[in-house]
C-alpha atoms as a PDB file:
ATOM      1  CA  UNK A   1      89.933  73.166 101.374  1.00  0.00           C
ATOM      2  CA  UNK A   2      90.925  69.529 101.566  1.00  0.00           C
ATOM      3  CA  UNK A   3      88.660  67.433 103.813  1.00  0.00           C
ATOM      4  CA  UNK A   4      90.163  65.083 106.359  1.00  0.00           C
ATOM      5  CA  UNK A   5      90.153  61.438 105.403  1.00  0.00           C
ATOM      6  CA  UNK A   6      88.618  58.792 107.697  1.00  0.00           C
ATOM      7  CA  UNK A   7      92.091  57.364 108.306  1.00  0.00           C
ATOM      8  CA  UNK A   8      93.332  60.817 109.480  1.00  0.00           C
ATOM      9  CA  UNK A   9      90.534  61.086 111.930  1.00  0.00           C
ATOM     10  CA  UNK A  10      91.586  57.824 113.565  1.00  0.00           C
ATOM     11  CA  UNK A  11      95.335  57.957 113.193  1.00  0.00           C
ATOM     12  CA  UNK A  12      97.399  61.003 114.325  1.00  0.00           C
ATOM     13  CA  UNK A  13     100.457  59.808 112.447  1.00  0.00           C
ATOM     14  CA  UNK A  14      98.537  59.577 109.161  1.00  0.00           C
ATOM     15  CA  UNK A  15      97.120  63.041 109.780  1.00  0.00           C
ATOM     16  CA  UNK A  16     100.539  64.490 110.391  1.00  0.00           C
ATOM     17  CA  UNK A  17     101.944  62.817 107.252  1.00  0.00           C
ATOM     18  CA  UNK A  18      99.076  64.098 105.062  1.00  0.00           C
ATOM     19  CA  UNK A  19      99.411  67.610 106.530  1.00  0.00           C
ATOM     20  CA  UNK A  20     103.065  67.564 105.713  1.00  0.00           C
ATOM     21  CA  UNK A  21     102.197  66.648 102.094  1.00  0.00           C
ATOM     22  CA  UNK A  22      99.572  69.354 101.990  1.00  0.00           C
ATOM     23  CA  UNK A  23     101.934  71.934 103.309  1.00  0.00           C
ATOM     24  CA  UNK A  24     104.558  70.850 100.759  1.00  0.00           C
ATOM     25  CA  UNK A  25     102.016  71.368  97.964  1.00  0.00           C
ATOM     26  CA  UNK A  26     101.063  74.803  99.345  1.00  0.00           C
ATOM     27  CA  UNK A  27     104.782  75.783  99.472  1.00  0.00           C
ATOM     28  CA  UNK A  28     105.298  74.698  95.878  1.00  0.00           C
ATOM     29  CA  UNK A  29     102.351  76.770  94.777  1.00  0.00           C
ATOM     30  CA  UNK A  30     103.677  79.772  96.709  1.00  0.00           C
ATOM     31  CA  UNK A  31     107.105  79.313  95.073  1.00  0.00           C
ATOM     32  CA  UNK A  32     105.455  79.221  91.655  1.00  0.00           C
ATOM     33  CA  UNK A  33     103.551  82.390  92.452  1.00  0.00           C
ATOM     34  CA  UNK A  34     106.817  84.011  93.674  1.00  0.00           C
ATOM     35  CA  UNK A  35     108.496  83.112  90.330  1.00  0.00           C
ATOM     36  CA  UNK A  36     105.571  84.612  88.440  1.00  0.00           C
ATOM     37  CA  UNK A  37     105.792  87.796  90.487  1.00  0.00           C
ATOM     38  CA  UNK A  38     109.506  88.027  89.769  1.00  0.00           C
ATOM     39  CA  UNK A  39     108.811  87.713  86.007  1.00  0.00           C
ATOM     40  CA  UNK A  40     106.115  90.404  86.285  1.00  0.00           C
ATOM     41  CA  UNK A  41     108.566  92.635  88.245  1.00  0.00           C
ATOM     42  CA  UNK A  42     111.202  92.188  85.499  1.00  0.00           C
ATOM     43  CA  UNK A  43     108.625  93.097  82.870  1.00  0.00           C
ATOM     44  CA  UNK A  44     107.651  96.256  84.783  1.00  0.00           C
ATOM     45  CA  UNK A  45     111.336  97.212  85.037  1.00  0.00           C
ATOM     46  CA  UNK A  46     111.735  96.707  81.325  1.00  0.00           C
ATOM     47  CA  UNK A  47     108.676  98.825  80.600  1.00  0.00           C
ATOM     48  CA  UNK A  48     109.917 101.473  82.976  1.00  0.00           C
ATOM     49  CA  UNK A  49     113.268 101.608  81.192  1.00  0.00           C
ATOM     50  CA  UNK A  50     111.547 101.836  77.820  1.00  0.00           C
ATOM     51  CA  UNK A  51     109.416 104.763  79.031  1.00  0.00           C
ATOM     52  CA  UNK A  52     112.468 106.538  80.371  1.00  0.00           C
ATOM     53  CA  UNK A  53     114.185 106.122  76.963  1.00  0.00           C
ATOM     54  CA  UNK A  54     111.098 107.442  75.221  1.00  0.00           C
ATOM     55  CA  UNK A  55     110.930 110.415  77.570  1.00  0.00           C
ATOM     56  CA  UNK A  56     114.633 111.122  76.932  1.00  0.00           C
ATOM     57  CA  UNK A  57     114.200 110.811  73.182  1.00  0.00           C
ATOM     58  CA  UNK A  58     111.205 113.117  73.288  1.00  0.00           C
ATOM     59  CA  UNK A  59     113.111 115.748  75.275  1.00  0.00           C
ATOM     60  CA  UNK A  60     116.082 115.383  72.980  1.00  0.00           C
ATOM     61  CA  UNK A  61     113.808 115.652  69.968  1.00  0.00           C
ATOM     62  CA  UNK A  62     112.034 118.720  71.395  1.00  0.00           C
ATOM     63  CA  UNK A  63     115.440 120.372  71.877  1.00  0.00           C
ATOM     64  CA  UNK A  64     116.356 119.651  68.254  1.00  0.00           C
ATOM     65  CA  UNK A  65     113.051 121.138  67.104  1.00  0.00           C
ATOM     66  CA  UNK A  66     113.608 124.201  69.260  1.00  0.00           C
ATOM     67  CA  UNK A  67     117.125 124.703  67.837  1.00  0.00           C
ATOM     68  CA  UNK A  68     115.733 124.308  64.278  1.00  0.00           C
ATOM     69  CA  UNK A  69     112.983 126.855  65.042  1.00  0.00           C
ATOM     70  CA  UNK A  70     115.471 129.310  66.433  1.00  0.00           C
ATOM     71  CA  UNK A  71     117.679 128.856  63.357  1.00  0.00           C
ATOM     72  CA  UNK A  72     114.760 129.345  61.024  1.00  0.00           C
ATOM     73  CA  UNK A  73     113.617 132.490  62.908  1.00  0.00           C
ATOM     74  CA  UNK A  74     117.160 133.884  62.784  1.00  0.00           C
ATOM     75  CA  UNK A  75     117.277 133.242  59.010  1.00  0.00           C
ATOM     76  CA  UNK A  76     113.966 135.049  58.495  1.00  0.00           C
ATOM     77  CA  UNK A  77     115.075 138.006  60.592  1.00  0.00           C
ATOM     78  CA  UNK A  78     118.386 138.184  58.716  1.00  0.00           C
ATOM     79  CA  UNK A  79     116.428 138.116  55.446  1.00  0.00           C
ATOM     80  CA  UNK A  80     114.150 140.943  56.585  1.00  0.00           C
ATOM     81  CA  UNK A  81     117.174 142.962  57.743  1.00  0.00           C
ATOM     82  CA  UNK A  82     118.829 142.374  54.389  1.00  0.00           C
ATOM     83  CA  UNK A  83     115.703 143.569  52.523  1.00  0.00           C
ATOM     84  CA  UNK A  84     115.472 146.650  54.727  1.00  0.00           C
ATOM     85  CA  UNK A  85     119.131 147.467  54.223  1.00  0.00           C
ATOM     86  CA  UNK A  86     118.740 147.138  50.412  1.00  0.00           C
ATOM     87  CA  UNK A  87     115.691 149.471  50.564  1.00  0.00           C
ATOM     88  CA  UNK A  88     117.728 152.156  52.289  1.00  0.00           C
END
């Protein structure tokens, strides 16, 4: 907290002028904080988009693995059926 100056205590106009300067400084700091929060918000949005892409890629990759497993299982079953048919 900024202490009042001796001049402020004696002169209302000086006090008003100094308060105006103080409020201006406070507003500048708040604007800087707002800019920083906007940057942080953009970063979180970027991270969220990347996580969504990773989730999509994982689901897509899992589907590809499932299709490959089904194909491999079908091939093994076909091979067993072929062996059984040859044995008969």
